[in-house]
Amino acid sequence: MKICMSVSRIRDNVERWTIHEGLSFEEVKNTENIFQILVKNAGRYGIPVDVFEPKGQPGILVIGAKVIMKNSQIARYLGFNAEEKEKFEKKIADFCYSIQAINKVITEDGKQKVGVYVVLDDKENINQQTMLDAIDKVSEIHEKTSRFLLKTF
C-alpha cells in the first residue's frame, strides 16, 4: 500500500504512527525544521531519536540520533588544531559512510556530539514501516558509532 503525502500530512502521519507503535514522544522546537519530534526509548537500544522534516527539503523525513562524546573525548577534540579536527571528522565521516549513515559533528549544550542520520526521500514510500525501519537503523548506527568512538578516540 503506497501512501502519497502532502507536506501538511507528514507530521500528522508520523505522530499517528508513533502513537500506534506505543512510543512516547515530545515536540521539539527547531526553526530549521517544519516539524520535529523526539521519540524516547526508540529502537533496539532504547535511545532518544529525532524525527523531522527540514524546511529546506519539504516532503523528506529525517531520522537521527546524537552520540554524546565522553568528557575526555571532548577535551581531546577541543585541544585539536583545525587540521586535526578535520582529520578526526573525516575519520568519523568515512566510518559513517561505511555503515550507510549521514553524520555531522555538532556542539550542543556545551557538548561535542556526533549526529547520525537516515534520510527517507522516496516520498511515495514514506509510511509507518519505512519510518520504523529507519528508527531501528538509527538505533543500530548510533550504537556502532558510539563503539567506534570508544575504540578509536
N, C-alpha and C. Protein backbone atom coordinates (compact mmCIF):
# COMPACT_ATOMS: atom_id res chain seq x y z
N MET A 1 0.84 -1.18 0.00
CA MET A 1 0.00 0.00 0.00
C MET A 1 0.88 1.24 0.00
N LYS A 2 0.75 2.05 -1.00
CA LYS A 2 1.55 3.27 -1.08
C LYS A 2 0.73 4.44 -0.56
N ILE A 3 1.41 5.28 0.19
CA ILE A 3 0.75 6.48 0.70
C ILE A 3 1.51 7.67 0.16
N CYS A 4 0.87 8.48 -0.61
CA CYS A 4 1.48 9.71 -1.10
C CYS A 4 1.06 10.83 -0.15
N MET A 5 2.04 11.51 0.41
CA MET A 5 1.72 12.50 1.43
C MET A 5 2.02 13.91 0.98
N SER A 6 1.14 14.79 1.31
CA SER A 6 1.43 16.20 1.13
C SER A 6 2.27 16.64 2.33
N VAL A 7 2.92 17.77 2.18
CA VAL A 7 3.77 18.28 3.25
C VAL A 7 3.00 18.39 4.56
N SER A 8 1.76 18.86 4.49
CA SER A 8 0.98 19.10 5.70
C SER A 8 0.59 17.81 6.41
N ARG A 9 0.61 16.68 5.71
CA ARG A 9 0.19 15.42 6.32
C ARG A 9 1.34 14.63 6.93
N ILE A 10 2.56 14.94 6.60
CA ILE A 10 3.67 14.14 7.12
C ILE A 10 3.70 14.16 8.64
N ARG A 11 3.60 15.33 9.22
CA ARG A 11 3.63 15.43 10.68
C ARG A 11 2.52 14.60 11.31
N ASP A 12 1.29 14.76 10.80
CA ASP A 12 0.16 14.01 11.35
C ASP A 12 0.40 12.51 11.26
N ASN A 13 0.89 12.07 10.12
CA ASN A 13 1.16 10.64 9.93
C ASN A 13 2.24 10.14 10.88
N VAL A 14 3.33 10.89 10.99
CA VAL A 14 4.43 10.49 11.87
C VAL A 14 3.93 10.36 13.31
N GLU A 15 3.18 11.35 13.76
CA GLU A 15 2.67 11.29 15.13
C GLU A 15 1.71 10.12 15.31
N ARG A 16 0.83 9.87 14.34
CA ARG A 16 -0.11 8.76 14.42
C ARG A 16 0.64 7.42 14.46
N TRP A 17 1.65 7.26 13.58
CA TRP A 17 2.41 6.01 13.55
C TRP A 17 3.14 5.78 14.86
N THR A 18 3.71 6.87 15.41
CA THR A 18 4.46 6.77 16.66
C THR A 18 3.54 6.34 17.80
N ILE A 19 2.36 6.95 17.87
CA ILE A 19 1.37 6.58 18.89
C ILE A 19 0.92 5.13 18.68
N HIS A 20 0.67 4.76 17.44
CA HIS A 20 0.23 3.41 17.12
C HIS A 20 1.23 2.36 17.60
N GLU A 21 2.51 2.69 17.55
CA GLU A 21 3.57 1.78 17.98
C GLU A 21 3.80 1.82 19.49
N GLY A 22 3.07 2.71 20.18
CA GLY A 22 3.22 2.79 21.63
C GLY A 22 4.49 3.49 22.07
N LEU A 23 5.06 4.30 21.18
CA LEU A 23 6.29 5.04 21.51
C LEU A 23 5.91 6.40 22.08
N SER A 24 6.59 6.81 23.15
CA SER A 24 6.32 8.15 23.67
C SER A 24 7.24 9.15 22.96
N PHE A 25 6.73 10.36 22.79
CA PHE A 25 7.50 11.38 22.09
C PHE A 25 7.08 12.75 22.60
N GLU A 26 7.92 13.73 22.28
CA GLU A 26 7.60 15.11 22.61
C GLU A 26 7.98 16.00 21.43
N GLU A 27 7.29 17.12 21.32
CA GLU A 27 7.58 18.07 20.26
C GLU A 27 8.86 18.82 20.61
N VAL A 28 9.68 19.08 19.59
CA VAL A 28 10.92 19.84 19.76
C VAL A 28 10.80 21.08 18.89
N LYS A 29 11.09 22.23 19.46
CA LYS A 29 11.08 23.48 18.69
C LYS A 29 12.42 23.62 17.98
N ASN A 30 12.38 23.74 16.67
CA ASN A 30 13.59 23.91 15.89
C ASN A 30 13.21 24.72 14.64
N THR A 31 13.74 25.93 14.54
CA THR A 31 13.37 26.82 13.45
C THR A 31 13.84 26.33 12.08
N GLU A 32 14.77 25.36 12.05
CA GLU A 32 15.26 24.84 10.77
C GLU A 32 14.34 23.78 10.18
N ASN A 33 13.37 23.32 10.97
CA ASN A 33 12.52 22.22 10.53
C ASN A 33 11.04 22.61 10.50
N ILE A 34 10.30 22.00 9.59
CA ILE A 34 8.85 22.20 9.53
C ILE A 34 8.23 21.65 10.81
N PHE A 35 8.69 20.47 11.20
CA PHE A 35 8.32 19.91 12.50
C PHE A 35 9.44 19.00 12.96
N GLN A 36 9.48 18.74 14.26
CA GLN A 36 10.47 17.83 14.82
C GLN A 36 9.89 17.25 16.10
N ILE A 37 10.03 15.92 16.22
CA ILE A 37 9.65 15.27 17.47
C ILE A 37 10.84 14.45 17.97
N LEU A 38 10.89 14.26 19.27
CA LEU A 38 11.91 13.41 19.89
C LEU A 38 11.19 12.18 20.41
N VAL A 39 11.51 11.04 19.80
CA VAL A 39 10.94 9.76 20.24
C VAL A 39 11.85 9.21 21.33
N LYS A 40 11.25 8.94 22.48
CA LYS A 40 12.03 8.45 23.62
C LYS A 40 12.13 6.93 23.55
N ASN A 41 13.23 6.38 24.01
CA ASN A 41 13.42 4.92 24.07
C ASN A 41 13.10 4.23 22.75
N ALA A 42 13.75 4.66 21.68
CA ALA A 42 13.46 4.14 20.35
C ALA A 42 14.45 3.05 19.93
N GLY A 43 13.96 2.16 19.12
CA GLY A 43 14.82 1.14 18.53
C GLY A 43 15.31 0.11 19.53
N ARG A 44 16.16 -0.76 19.04
CA ARG A 44 16.68 -1.87 19.84
C ARG A 44 17.44 -1.41 21.08
N TYR A 45 18.11 -0.25 20.98
CA TYR A 45 18.94 0.21 22.09
C TYR A 45 18.24 1.24 22.98
N GLY A 46 16.97 1.53 22.70
CA GLY A 46 16.19 2.42 23.56
C GLY A 46 16.76 3.81 23.72
N ILE A 47 17.19 4.38 22.61
CA ILE A 47 17.81 5.71 22.64
C ILE A 47 16.82 6.78 22.21
N PRO A 48 17.07 8.05 22.54
CA PRO A 48 16.23 9.12 22.00
C PRO A 48 16.55 9.35 20.52
N VAL A 49 15.50 9.44 19.71
CA VAL A 49 15.67 9.60 18.26
C VAL A 49 14.82 10.79 17.79
N ASP A 50 15.45 11.66 17.01
CA ASP A 50 14.73 12.79 16.41
C ASP A 50 14.14 12.37 15.08
N VAL A 51 12.91 12.81 14.84
CA VAL A 51 12.25 12.60 13.55
C VAL A 51 11.81 13.99 13.09
N PHE A 52 12.27 14.42 11.91
CA PHE A 52 11.94 15.77 11.48
C PHE A 52 11.86 15.91 9.97
N GLU A 53 11.20 17.00 9.58
CA GLU A 53 11.09 17.37 8.18
C GLU A 53 11.77 18.72 8.01
N PRO A 54 12.92 18.75 7.33
CA PRO A 54 13.65 20.02 7.18
C PRO A 54 12.89 21.02 6.31
N LYS A 55 12.94 22.30 6.69
CA LYS A 55 12.30 23.35 5.90
C LYS A 55 12.88 23.41 4.49
N GLY A 56 14.17 23.17 4.38
CA GLY A 56 14.83 23.24 3.08
C GLY A 56 14.54 22.05 2.18
N GLN A 57 13.90 21.01 2.73
CA GLN A 57 13.60 19.80 1.96
C GLN A 57 12.20 19.28 2.32
N PRO A 58 11.16 20.05 2.00
CA PRO A 58 9.82 19.60 2.35
C PRO A 58 9.49 18.25 1.70
N GLY A 59 8.78 17.42 2.46
CA GLY A 59 8.40 16.10 1.96
C GLY A 59 9.42 15.02 2.25
N ILE A 60 10.54 15.41 2.83
CA ILE A 60 11.59 14.45 3.18
C ILE A 60 11.59 14.26 4.70
N LEU A 61 11.74 13.03 5.13
CA LEU A 61 11.74 12.73 6.55
C LEU A 61 13.15 12.30 6.96
N VAL A 62 13.66 12.94 8.02
CA VAL A 62 15.00 12.62 8.52
C VAL A 62 14.84 12.02 9.92
N ILE A 63 15.53 10.91 10.14
CA ILE A 63 15.52 10.25 11.44
C ILE A 63 16.97 10.23 11.91
N GLY A 64 17.20 10.71 13.13
CA GLY A 64 18.58 10.80 13.59
C GLY A 64 18.71 10.69 15.09
N ALA A 65 19.94 10.46 15.52
CA ALA A 65 20.27 10.40 16.94
C ALA A 65 21.65 11.01 17.13
N LYS A 66 21.91 11.43 18.37
CA LYS A 66 23.19 12.07 18.66
C LYS A 66 23.99 11.23 19.64
N VAL A 67 25.22 10.94 19.25
CA VAL A 67 26.15 10.24 20.12
C VAL A 67 26.90 11.32 20.89
N ILE A 68 26.74 11.34 22.20
CA ILE A 68 27.42 12.35 23.02
C ILE A 68 28.82 11.83 23.35
N MET A 69 29.81 12.63 23.01
CA MET A 69 31.18 12.24 23.29
C MET A 69 31.45 12.31 24.79
N LYS A 70 32.31 11.43 25.27
CA LYS A 70 32.71 11.42 26.68
C LYS A 70 33.50 12.69 26.98
N ASN A 71 33.52 13.10 28.25
CA ASN A 71 34.23 14.33 28.63
C ASN A 71 35.69 14.30 28.21
N SER A 72 36.34 13.14 28.36
CA SER A 72 37.75 13.04 27.96
C SER A 72 37.91 13.20 26.45
N GLN A 73 36.94 12.69 25.68
CA GLN A 73 36.98 12.84 24.23
C GLN A 73 36.75 14.29 23.83
N ILE A 74 35.83 14.95 24.52
CA ILE A 74 35.54 16.35 24.22
C ILE A 74 36.78 17.20 24.50
N ALA A 75 37.43 16.96 25.63
CA ALA A 75 38.63 17.72 25.99
C ALA A 75 39.71 17.52 24.93
N ARG A 76 39.88 16.28 24.49
CA ARG A 76 40.88 15.99 23.46
C ARG A 76 40.52 16.69 22.15
N TYR A 77 39.25 16.60 21.75
CA TYR A 77 38.79 17.22 20.50
C TYR A 77 39.00 18.73 20.54
N LEU A 78 38.63 19.34 21.66
CA LEU A 78 38.77 20.80 21.78
C LEU A 78 40.23 21.24 21.75
N GLY A 79 41.15 20.34 22.10
CA GLY A 79 42.58 20.64 22.04
C GLY A 79 43.17 20.51 20.65
N PHE A 80 42.41 19.97 19.72
CA PHE A 80 42.89 19.78 18.36
C PHE A 80 43.02 21.12 17.64
N ASN A 81 44.01 21.20 16.75
CA ASN A 81 44.05 22.35 15.85
C ASN A 81 43.10 22.04 14.68
N ALA A 82 42.96 23.00 13.78
CA ALA A 82 41.99 22.87 12.68
C ALA A 82 42.26 21.62 11.83
N GLU A 83 43.53 21.35 11.55
CA GLU A 83 43.87 20.19 10.72
C GLU A 83 43.51 18.88 11.42
N GLU A 84 43.79 18.80 12.73
CA GLU A 84 43.48 17.59 13.50
C GLU A 84 41.96 17.38 13.59
N LYS A 85 41.21 18.48 13.77
CA LYS A 85 39.75 18.37 13.80
C LYS A 85 39.23 17.86 12.46
N GLU A 86 39.80 18.38 11.39
CA GLU A 86 39.40 17.96 10.05
C GLU A 86 39.67 16.47 9.84
N LYS A 87 40.85 16.00 10.27
CA LYS A 87 41.19 14.58 10.14
C LYS A 87 40.24 13.71 10.97
N PHE A 88 39.94 14.15 12.19
CA PHE A 88 39.03 13.42 13.06
C PHE A 88 37.64 13.34 12.43
N GLU A 89 37.14 14.46 11.92
CA GLU A 89 35.82 14.49 11.32
C GLU A 89 35.76 13.64 10.05
N LYS A 90 36.88 13.59 9.29
CA LYS A 90 36.93 12.74 8.11
C LYS A 90 36.90 11.27 8.51
N LYS A 91 37.59 10.93 9.58
CA LYS A 91 37.60 9.54 10.07
C LYS A 91 36.18 9.11 10.45
N ILE A 92 35.46 9.99 11.14
CA ILE A 92 34.07 9.70 11.51
C ILE A 92 33.20 9.60 10.25
N ALA A 93 33.38 10.53 9.32
CA ALA A 93 32.59 10.53 8.08
C ALA A 93 32.83 9.24 7.29
N ASP A 94 34.09 8.80 7.21
CA ASP A 94 34.41 7.56 6.49
C ASP A 94 33.73 6.37 7.16
N PHE A 95 33.79 6.33 8.50
CA PHE A 95 33.14 5.24 9.22
C PHE A 95 31.63 5.26 8.97
N CYS A 96 31.02 6.42 9.11
CA CYS A 96 29.57 6.53 8.93
C CYS A 96 29.17 6.16 7.50
N TYR A 97 29.99 6.55 6.54
CA TYR A 97 29.72 6.16 5.15
C TYR A 97 29.72 4.64 5.03
N SER A 98 30.64 3.98 5.72
CA SER A 98 30.75 2.52 5.64
C SER A 98 29.53 1.82 6.23
N ILE A 99 28.80 2.48 7.13
CA ILE A 99 27.60 1.88 7.70
C ILE A 99 26.33 2.56 7.16
N GLN A 100 26.47 3.28 6.07
CA GLN A 100 25.37 3.94 5.35
C GLN A 100 24.61 4.94 6.22
N ALA A 101 25.38 5.78 6.90
CA ALA A 101 24.78 6.82 7.73
C ALA A 101 25.32 8.18 7.30
N ILE A 102 24.47 9.17 7.40
CA ILE A 102 24.90 10.54 7.21
C ILE A 102 25.29 11.04 8.59
N ASN A 103 26.35 11.83 8.68
CA ASN A 103 26.78 12.29 10.00
C ASN A 103 27.10 13.77 10.01
N LYS A 104 27.14 14.30 11.23
CA LYS A 104 27.51 15.70 11.42
C LYS A 104 28.07 15.85 12.84
N VAL A 105 29.26 16.41 12.96
CA VAL A 105 29.83 16.70 14.27
C VAL A 105 29.27 18.05 14.70
N ILE A 106 28.63 18.09 15.87
CA ILE A 106 27.96 19.30 16.32
C ILE A 106 28.32 19.61 17.77
N THR A 107 28.12 20.87 18.13
CA THR A 107 28.24 21.28 19.53
C THR A 107 26.85 21.67 19.99
N GLU A 108 26.42 21.08 21.09
CA GLU A 108 25.08 21.33 21.59
C GLU A 108 25.11 21.21 23.11
N ASP A 109 24.53 22.15 23.79
CA ASP A 109 24.52 22.15 25.27
C ASP A 109 25.93 22.04 25.84
N GLY A 110 26.90 22.66 25.16
CA GLY A 110 28.28 22.64 25.64
C GLY A 110 28.99 21.31 25.45
N LYS A 111 28.40 20.38 24.72
CA LYS A 111 28.99 19.06 24.49
C LYS A 111 29.23 18.84 23.00
N GLN A 112 30.29 18.10 22.70
CA GLN A 112 30.52 17.67 21.32
C GLN A 112 29.70 16.41 21.11
N LYS A 113 29.02 16.37 19.98
CA LYS A 113 28.18 15.22 19.65
C LYS A 113 28.38 14.86 18.19
N VAL A 114 28.13 13.59 17.89
CA VAL A 114 28.13 13.14 16.51
C VAL A 114 26.70 12.76 16.19
N GLY A 115 26.08 13.52 15.30
CA GLY A 115 24.73 13.20 14.85
C GLY A 115 24.81 12.18 13.73
N VAL A 116 23.98 11.14 13.82
CA VAL A 116 23.91 10.12 12.76
C VAL A 116 22.47 10.10 12.25
N TYR A 117 22.32 10.06 10.93
CA TYR A 117 21.01 10.25 10.33
C TYR A 117 20.73 9.28 9.19
N VAL A 118 19.45 8.97 9.04
CA VAL A 118 18.94 8.25 7.89
C VAL A 118 17.89 9.17 7.25
N VAL A 119 17.94 9.30 5.94
CA VAL A 119 17.03 10.19 5.22
C VAL A 119 16.06 9.35 4.39
N LEU A 120 14.78 9.60 4.60
CA LEU A 120 13.75 8.97 3.78
C LEU A 120 13.30 10.01 2.75
N ASP A 121 13.76 9.83 1.52
CA ASP A 121 13.47 10.84 0.49
C ASP A 121 12.64 10.31 -0.66
N ASP A 122 12.22 9.05 -0.57
CA ASP A 122 11.31 8.48 -1.57
C ASP A 122 9.90 8.80 -1.10
N LYS A 123 9.40 9.95 -1.52
CA LYS A 123 8.13 10.48 -0.99
C LYS A 123 6.96 9.53 -1.19
N GLU A 124 7.04 8.68 -2.20
CA GLU A 124 5.95 7.72 -2.46
C GLU A 124 5.97 6.57 -1.45
N ASN A 125 7.09 6.37 -0.79
CA ASN A 125 7.22 5.21 0.10
C ASN A 125 7.54 5.58 1.54
N ILE A 126 7.14 6.76 1.97
CA ILE A 126 7.28 7.10 3.39
C ILE A 126 5.99 6.63 4.06
N ASN A 127 6.14 5.58 4.87
CA ASN A 127 4.99 5.02 5.56
C ASN A 127 5.41 4.53 6.94
N GLN A 128 4.47 3.96 7.66
CA GLN A 128 4.77 3.55 9.03
C GLN A 128 5.94 2.57 9.08
N GLN A 129 5.95 1.59 8.17
CA GLN A 129 7.01 0.59 8.22
C GLN A 129 8.37 1.17 7.86
N THR A 130 8.43 2.04 6.84
CA THR A 130 9.75 2.60 6.47
C THR A 130 10.26 3.51 7.58
N MET A 131 9.35 4.23 8.27
CA MET A 131 9.78 5.07 9.39
C MET A 131 10.31 4.21 10.54
N LEU A 132 9.58 3.14 10.88
CA LEU A 132 10.01 2.27 11.98
C LEU A 132 11.33 1.57 11.64
N ASP A 133 11.47 1.14 10.40
CA ASP A 133 12.74 0.52 9.97
C ASP A 133 13.89 1.53 10.11
N ALA A 134 13.63 2.79 9.74
CA ALA A 134 14.66 3.83 9.84
C ALA A 134 15.01 4.11 11.30
N ILE A 135 14.01 4.10 12.19
CA ILE A 135 14.28 4.30 13.62
C ILE A 135 15.16 3.17 14.14
N ASP A 136 14.85 1.93 13.76
CA ASP A 136 15.68 0.80 14.17
C ASP A 136 17.10 0.92 13.62
N LYS A 137 17.21 1.35 12.36
CA LYS A 137 18.53 1.51 11.75
C LYS A 137 19.34 2.60 12.47
N VAL A 138 18.68 3.71 12.81
CA VAL A 138 19.37 4.79 13.52
C VAL A 138 19.84 4.30 14.89
N SER A 139 19.03 3.50 15.56
CA SER A 139 19.43 2.94 16.85
C SER A 139 20.70 2.10 16.68
N GLU A 140 20.74 1.29 15.63
CA GLU A 140 21.92 0.45 15.35
C GLU A 140 23.15 1.30 15.02
N ILE A 141 22.99 2.30 14.14
CA ILE A 141 24.16 3.10 13.75
C ILE A 141 24.63 3.98 14.90
N HIS A 142 23.73 4.38 15.77
CA HIS A 142 24.11 5.13 16.98
C HIS A 142 25.03 4.25 17.83
N GLU A 143 24.64 3.01 18.04
CA GLU A 143 25.43 2.07 18.84
C GLU A 143 26.79 1.82 18.18
N LYS A 144 26.79 1.58 16.88
CA LYS A 144 28.05 1.32 16.16
C LYS A 144 28.97 2.53 16.22
N THR A 145 28.41 3.73 16.05
CA THR A 145 29.22 4.95 16.09
C THR A 145 29.77 5.18 17.49
N SER A 146 28.97 4.92 18.49
CA SER A 146 29.42 5.05 19.88
C SER A 146 30.60 4.12 20.15
N ARG A 147 30.48 2.87 19.71
CA ARG A 147 31.58 1.90 19.90
C ARG A 147 32.81 2.32 19.11
N PHE A 148 32.60 2.83 17.88
CA PHE A 148 33.71 3.29 17.05
C PHE A 148 34.48 4.41 17.77
N LEU A 149 33.75 5.37 18.33
CA LEU A 149 34.40 6.47 19.05
C LEU A 149 35.19 5.95 20.25
N LEU A 150 34.63 5.00 20.97
CA LEU A 150 35.34 4.46 22.14
C LEU A 150 36.62 3.75 21.74
N LYS A 151 36.58 3.03 20.60
CA LYS A 151 37.75 2.27 20.16
C LYS A 151 38.84 3.14 19.54
N THR A 152 38.42 4.18 18.82
CA THR A 152 39.40 4.92 18.02
C THR A 152 39.76 6.28 18.57
N PHE A 153 39.07 6.73 19.61
CA PHE A 153 39.31 8.09 20.06
C PHE A 153 39.48 8.09 21.56
